[in-house]
């Protein structure tokens, strides 16, 4: 039986991260350009292939115009992907 890499809380964070980007009406390419990173960085962060640290969470939050709390909140209901 394969072990899950991330907790359900982290999986919910990833959903909120993607949803926040979409609500900010930004593409992964636009986010990458603004952060000075390659598009693959954003893709890997959103897919869970790359673990996002606290400093990076803050950078995403600033860029998307949301609070860090909104991204790391334990209530996933408000960020259902559309």
N, C-alpha and C. Protein backbone atom coordinates (compact mmCIF):
# COMPACT_ATOMS: atom_id res chain seq x y z
N UNK A 1 0.84 -1.18 0.00
CA UNK A 1 0.00 0.00 0.00
C UNK A 1 0.89 1.24 0.00
N UNK A 2 0.75 2.10 -1.02
CA UNK A 2 1.59 3.30 -1.08
C UNK A 2 1.24 4.28 0.03
N UNK A 3 2.27 4.87 0.59
CA UNK A 3 2.09 5.86 1.65
C UNK A 3 1.81 7.22 1.03
N UNK A 4 0.82 7.93 1.58
CA UNK A 4 0.51 9.27 1.09
C UNK A 4 1.63 10.22 1.48
N UNK A 5 2.10 11.01 0.52
CA UNK A 5 3.21 11.91 0.77
C UNK A 5 2.80 13.07 1.64
N UNK A 6 1.64 13.66 1.36
CA UNK A 6 1.20 14.85 2.08
C UNK A 6 -0.08 14.57 2.86
N UNK A 7 -0.25 15.31 3.93
CA UNK A 7 -1.46 15.20 4.75
C UNK A 7 -2.65 15.76 3.98
N UNK A 8 -3.83 15.44 4.47
CA UNK A 8 -5.03 15.99 3.83
C UNK A 8 -5.04 17.52 3.96
N UNK A 9 -4.50 18.05 5.05
CA UNK A 9 -4.42 19.50 5.22
C UNK A 9 -3.56 20.14 4.13
N UNK A 10 -2.45 19.49 3.81
CA UNK A 10 -1.58 20.04 2.77
C UNK A 10 -2.27 19.93 1.41
N UNK A 11 -2.99 18.84 1.18
CA UNK A 11 -3.74 18.70 -0.07
C UNK A 11 -4.77 19.83 -0.20
N UNK A 12 -5.43 20.18 0.90
CA UNK A 12 -6.39 21.29 0.88
C UNK A 12 -5.67 22.61 0.60
N UNK A 13 -4.48 22.77 1.16
CA UNK A 13 -3.68 23.97 0.88
C UNK A 13 -3.42 24.09 -0.62
N UNK A 14 -3.07 22.98 -1.26
CA UNK A 14 -2.79 23.01 -2.69
C UNK A 14 -4.02 23.44 -3.49
N UNK A 15 -5.19 22.97 -3.07
CA UNK A 15 -6.44 23.38 -3.73
C UNK A 15 -6.64 24.88 -3.57
N UNK A 16 -6.42 25.38 -2.35
CA UNK A 16 -6.59 26.81 -2.10
C UNK A 16 -5.55 27.64 -2.87
N UNK A 17 -4.34 27.13 -2.99
CA UNK A 17 -3.29 27.83 -3.72
C UNK A 17 -3.67 28.00 -5.19
N UNK A 18 -4.13 26.92 -5.82
CA UNK A 18 -4.56 26.99 -7.22
C UNK A 18 -5.76 27.91 -7.38
N UNK A 19 -6.74 27.77 -6.48
CA UNK A 19 -7.95 28.58 -6.56
C UNK A 19 -7.63 30.06 -6.39
N UNK A 20 -6.71 30.40 -5.50
CA UNK A 20 -6.34 31.80 -5.29
C UNK A 20 -5.70 32.38 -6.54
N UNK A 21 -4.89 31.59 -7.22
CA UNK A 21 -4.27 32.07 -8.47
C UNK A 21 -5.35 32.32 -9.52
N UNK A 22 -6.28 31.39 -9.63
CA UNK A 22 -7.35 31.54 -10.62
C UNK A 22 -8.24 32.74 -10.30
N UNK A 23 -8.52 32.96 -9.01
CA UNK A 23 -9.34 34.11 -8.62
C UNK A 23 -8.60 35.43 -8.90
N UNK A 24 -7.28 35.39 -8.83
CA UNK A 24 -6.48 36.58 -9.15
C UNK A 24 -6.35 36.76 -10.66
N UNK A 25 -6.94 35.82 -11.40
CA UNK A 25 -6.93 35.84 -12.87
C UNK A 25 -5.51 35.88 -13.43
N UNK A 26 -4.66 35.02 -12.87
CA UNK A 26 -3.28 34.92 -13.33
C UNK A 26 -3.02 33.51 -13.85
N UNK A 27 -2.22 33.42 -14.88
CA UNK A 27 -1.78 32.12 -15.36
C UNK A 27 -0.52 31.71 -14.60
N UNK A 28 -0.17 30.46 -14.71
CA UNK A 28 1.07 30.00 -14.08
C UNK A 28 2.26 30.75 -14.66
N UNK A 29 2.22 31.05 -15.93
CA UNK A 29 3.33 31.78 -16.58
C UNK A 29 3.45 33.18 -16.00
N UNK A 30 2.32 33.86 -15.82
CA UNK A 30 2.35 35.22 -15.26
C UNK A 30 2.87 35.21 -13.82
N UNK A 31 2.44 34.23 -13.05
CA UNK A 31 2.91 34.11 -11.66
C UNK A 31 4.42 33.89 -11.66
N UNK A 32 4.88 32.98 -12.48
CA UNK A 32 6.31 32.67 -12.56
C UNK A 32 7.12 33.91 -12.92
N UNK A 33 6.64 34.66 -13.89
CA UNK A 33 7.36 35.87 -14.30
C UNK A 33 7.44 36.87 -13.16
N UNK A 34 6.35 37.05 -12.43
CA UNK A 34 6.33 38.02 -11.33
C UNK A 34 7.20 37.57 -10.16
N UNK A 35 7.34 36.26 -10.00
CA UNK A 35 8.18 35.74 -8.91
C UNK A 35 9.63 35.55 -9.35
N UNK A 36 9.90 35.70 -10.64
CA UNK A 36 11.25 35.49 -11.15
C UNK A 36 11.64 34.02 -11.15
N UNK A 37 10.67 33.17 -11.41
CA UNK A 37 10.88 31.72 -11.41
C UNK A 37 10.40 31.14 -12.73
N UNK A 38 10.80 29.92 -13.05
CA UNK A 38 10.26 29.28 -14.26
C UNK A 38 8.81 28.82 -14.02
N UNK A 39 8.07 28.67 -15.09
CA UNK A 39 6.68 28.21 -14.98
C UNK A 39 6.60 26.86 -14.30
N UNK A 40 7.58 26.02 -14.50
CA UNK A 40 7.58 24.68 -13.89
C UNK A 40 7.60 24.76 -12.36
N UNK A 41 8.18 25.82 -11.81
CA UNK A 41 8.19 26.03 -10.36
C UNK A 41 6.75 26.16 -9.84
N UNK A 42 5.96 27.00 -10.51
CA UNK A 42 4.57 27.21 -10.09
C UNK A 42 3.78 25.91 -10.25
N UNK A 43 3.97 25.24 -11.37
CA UNK A 43 3.28 23.98 -11.62
C UNK A 43 3.60 22.94 -10.54
N UNK A 44 4.87 22.82 -10.21
CA UNK A 44 5.29 21.84 -9.20
C UNK A 44 4.77 22.21 -7.82
N UNK A 45 4.73 23.50 -7.51
CA UNK A 45 4.16 23.93 -6.22
C UNK A 45 2.70 23.58 -6.14
N UNK A 46 1.95 23.86 -7.20
CA UNK A 46 0.51 23.61 -7.20
C UNK A 46 0.15 22.13 -7.24
N UNK A 47 0.99 21.32 -7.84
CA UNK A 47 0.70 19.89 -7.95
C UNK A 47 1.17 19.10 -6.74
N UNK A 48 1.99 19.71 -5.90
CA UNK A 48 2.52 19.01 -4.74
C UNK A 48 3.84 18.32 -5.02
N UNK A 49 4.33 18.45 -6.23
CA UNK A 49 5.62 17.85 -6.57
C UNK A 49 6.75 18.55 -5.83
N UNK A 50 6.54 19.82 -5.53
CA UNK A 50 7.52 20.61 -4.76
C UNK A 50 6.82 21.15 -3.53
N UNK A 51 7.41 20.92 -2.37
CA UNK A 51 6.84 21.39 -1.11
C UNK A 51 7.06 22.90 -0.98
N UNK A 52 6.01 23.63 -0.62
CA UNK A 52 6.07 25.08 -0.51
C UNK A 52 6.41 25.46 0.93
N UNK A 53 7.44 26.29 1.12
CA UNK A 53 7.80 26.70 2.48
C UNK A 53 7.08 27.99 2.86
N UNK A 54 7.24 28.42 4.10
CA UNK A 54 6.52 29.58 4.64
C UNK A 54 6.81 30.86 3.88
N UNK A 55 8.04 31.06 3.50
CA UNK A 55 8.42 32.28 2.76
C UNK A 55 7.73 32.28 1.40
N UNK A 56 7.67 31.14 0.76
CA UNK A 56 7.01 31.04 -0.55
C UNK A 56 5.50 31.23 -0.42
N UNK A 57 4.91 30.70 0.64
CA UNK A 57 3.47 30.90 0.87
C UNK A 57 3.18 32.39 0.97
N UNK A 58 4.01 33.11 1.70
CA UNK A 58 3.83 34.56 1.85
C UNK A 58 3.95 35.27 0.50
N UNK A 59 4.87 34.84 -0.33
CA UNK A 59 5.05 35.46 -1.65
C UNK A 59 3.82 35.22 -2.53
N UNK A 60 3.30 33.99 -2.52
CA UNK A 60 2.09 33.69 -3.28
C UNK A 60 0.92 34.52 -2.75
N UNK A 61 0.77 34.61 -1.45
CA UNK A 61 -0.33 35.36 -0.85
C UNK A 61 -0.29 36.83 -1.28
N UNK A 62 0.89 37.44 -1.20
CA UNK A 62 1.03 38.85 -1.63
C UNK A 62 0.64 39.01 -3.09
N UNK A 63 1.13 38.13 -3.92
CA UNK A 63 0.87 38.21 -5.35
C UNK A 63 -0.62 38.03 -5.66
N UNK A 64 -1.29 37.15 -4.94
CA UNK A 64 -2.71 36.87 -5.19
C UNK A 64 -3.65 37.80 -4.45
N UNK A 65 -3.09 38.66 -3.59
CA UNK A 65 -3.93 39.61 -2.86
C UNK A 65 -4.78 38.95 -1.79
N UNK A 66 -4.26 37.89 -1.19
CA UNK A 66 -4.95 37.21 -0.10
C UNK A 66 -4.03 37.13 1.10
N UNK A 67 -4.57 36.79 2.24
CA UNK A 67 -3.73 36.64 3.42
C UNK A 67 -3.12 35.23 3.44
N UNK A 68 -2.02 35.11 4.15
CA UNK A 68 -1.41 33.79 4.35
C UNK A 68 -2.43 32.88 5.02
N UNK A 69 -3.17 33.43 5.96
CA UNK A 69 -4.20 32.65 6.67
C UNK A 69 -5.20 32.03 5.70
N UNK A 70 -5.59 32.78 4.69
CA UNK A 70 -6.54 32.25 3.71
C UNK A 70 -5.97 31.03 2.99
N UNK A 71 -4.68 31.05 2.72
CA UNK A 71 -4.07 29.92 2.01
C UNK A 71 -3.85 28.71 2.91
N UNK A 72 -3.56 28.95 4.18
CA UNK A 72 -3.24 27.82 5.06
C UNK A 72 -4.37 27.46 6.01
N UNK A 73 -5.51 28.10 5.86
CA UNK A 73 -6.67 27.83 6.70
C UNK A 73 -7.01 26.34 6.69
N UNK A 74 -7.56 25.87 7.77
CA UNK A 74 -7.94 24.46 7.84
C UNK A 74 -9.35 24.21 7.32
N UNK A 75 -10.01 25.25 6.82
CA UNK A 75 -11.36 25.08 6.28
C UNK A 75 -11.32 25.17 4.76
N UNK A 76 -11.33 24.04 4.07
CA UNK A 76 -11.20 24.02 2.61
C UNK A 76 -12.46 24.42 1.86
N UNK A 77 -13.60 24.50 2.52
CA UNK A 77 -14.87 24.72 1.84
C UNK A 77 -14.89 26.01 1.03
N UNK A 78 -14.23 27.05 1.50
CA UNK A 78 -14.30 28.33 0.83
C UNK A 78 -13.49 28.39 -0.46
N UNK A 79 -12.65 27.40 -0.69
CA UNK A 79 -11.81 27.41 -1.89
C UNK A 79 -12.02 26.16 -2.74
N UNK A 80 -13.24 25.93 -3.12
CA UNK A 80 -13.53 24.81 -3.99
C UNK A 80 -13.14 25.22 -5.40
N UNK A 81 -12.42 24.34 -6.07
CA UNK A 81 -11.99 24.67 -7.43
C UNK A 81 -13.18 24.68 -8.37
N UNK A 82 -13.15 25.62 -9.27
CA UNK A 82 -14.26 25.78 -10.23
C UNK A 82 -13.90 25.15 -11.54
